[in-house]
């Protein structure tokens, strides 16, 4: 009876570990990182009609820098 409890515990810990590794692998995939960064900075790319061209260029530059920083890439 004791060996059955130990076996259940081993199966539970193994399953939990597998689910954790699978989640982290999926969460940190390049596609999901890109989706999260796009959603996070999507509002920066919307152009209000009353924005001047110079101001809009500054907004886009800042949004690009933040996006690449979120993606973990260096922008030169």
Protein backbone atom coordinates (compact mmCIF):
# COMPACT_ATOMS: atom_id res chain seq x y z
CA UNK A 1 0.00 0.00 0.00
CA UNK A 2 2.86 2.37 0.81
CA UNK A 3 4.45 1.78 -2.60
CA UNK A 4 1.18 2.79 -4.29
CA UNK A 5 1.21 6.14 -2.46
CA UNK A 6 4.82 6.70 -3.45
CA UNK A 7 3.99 5.83 -7.06
CA UNK A 8 1.09 8.32 -7.05
CA UNK A 9 3.38 11.00 -5.65
CA UNK A 10 6.03 10.31 -8.30
CA UNK A 11 3.41 10.42 -11.08
CA UNK A 12 1.97 13.67 -9.70
CA UNK A 13 5.36 15.38 -9.45
CA UNK A 14 6.38 14.14 -12.90
CA UNK A 15 3.13 15.38 -14.44
CA UNK A 16 3.44 18.75 -12.76
CA UNK A 17 7.03 19.10 -13.94
CA UNK A 18 6.08 18.16 -17.50
CA UNK A 19 3.25 20.70 -17.54
CA UNK A 20 5.55 23.40 -16.17
CA UNK A 21 8.24 22.76 -18.77
CA UNK A 22 5.66 22.64 -21.57
CA UNK A 23 4.11 25.93 -20.42
CA UNK A 24 7.46 27.71 -20.22
CA UNK A 25 8.53 26.36 -23.61
CA UNK A 26 5.30 27.62 -25.19
CA UNK A 27 5.31 30.94 -23.30
CA UNK A 28 8.87 31.74 -24.36
CA UNK A 29 8.50 30.74 -28.00
CA UNK A 30 9.45 33.52 -30.47
CA UNK A 31 5.92 33.62 -31.91
CA UNK A 32 4.31 34.19 -28.51
CA UNK A 33 6.89 36.79 -27.50
CA UNK A 34 6.18 38.66 -30.72
CA UNK A 35 2.41 38.50 -30.13
CA UNK A 36 2.77 39.82 -26.57
CA UNK A 37 5.03 42.66 -27.70
CA UNK A 38 2.71 43.60 -30.57
CA UNK A 39 -0.29 43.76 -28.23
CA UNK A 40 1.68 45.74 -25.67
CA UNK A 41 2.83 48.41 -28.13
CA UNK A 42 -0.04 48.35 -30.63
CA UNK A 43 -1.56 51.48 -29.12
CA UNK A 44 1.69 53.40 -29.81
CA UNK A 45 1.30 52.83 -33.55
CA UNK A 46 -2.15 54.39 -33.88
CA UNK A 47 -2.03 57.79 -35.57
CA UNK A 48 -4.39 60.41 -34.17
CA UNK A 49 -5.48 62.85 -36.86
CA UNK A 50 -4.34 65.96 -35.01
CA UNK A 51 -0.70 64.80 -34.65
CA UNK A 52 1.97 66.65 -36.58
CA UNK A 53 4.37 64.77 -38.84
CA UNK A 54 7.39 65.46 -36.59
CA UNK A 55 5.55 64.38 -33.47
CA UNK A 56 4.28 61.26 -35.23
CA UNK A 57 7.85 60.37 -36.30
CA UNK A 58 9.00 60.69 -32.68
CA UNK A 59 6.13 58.49 -31.49
CA UNK A 60 7.04 55.83 -34.07
CA UNK A 61 10.72 55.95 -33.14
CA UNK A 62 9.90 55.49 -29.46
CA UNK A 63 7.44 52.68 -30.23
CA UNK A 64 10.04 50.92 -32.41
CA UNK A 65 12.66 51.15 -29.66
CA UNK A 66 10.23 49.82 -27.05
CA UNK A 67 9.11 47.01 -29.35
CA UNK A 68 12.65 45.84 -30.06
CA UNK A 69 13.49 46.11 -26.37
CA UNK A 70 10.47 43.94 -25.57
CA UNK A 71 11.55 41.41 -28.23
CA UNK A 72 15.04 41.31 -26.70
CA UNK A 73 16.75 42.53 -29.87
CA UNK A 74 19.29 45.33 -30.15
CA UNK A 75 18.46 48.08 -32.59
CA UNK A 76 21.36 49.94 -34.15
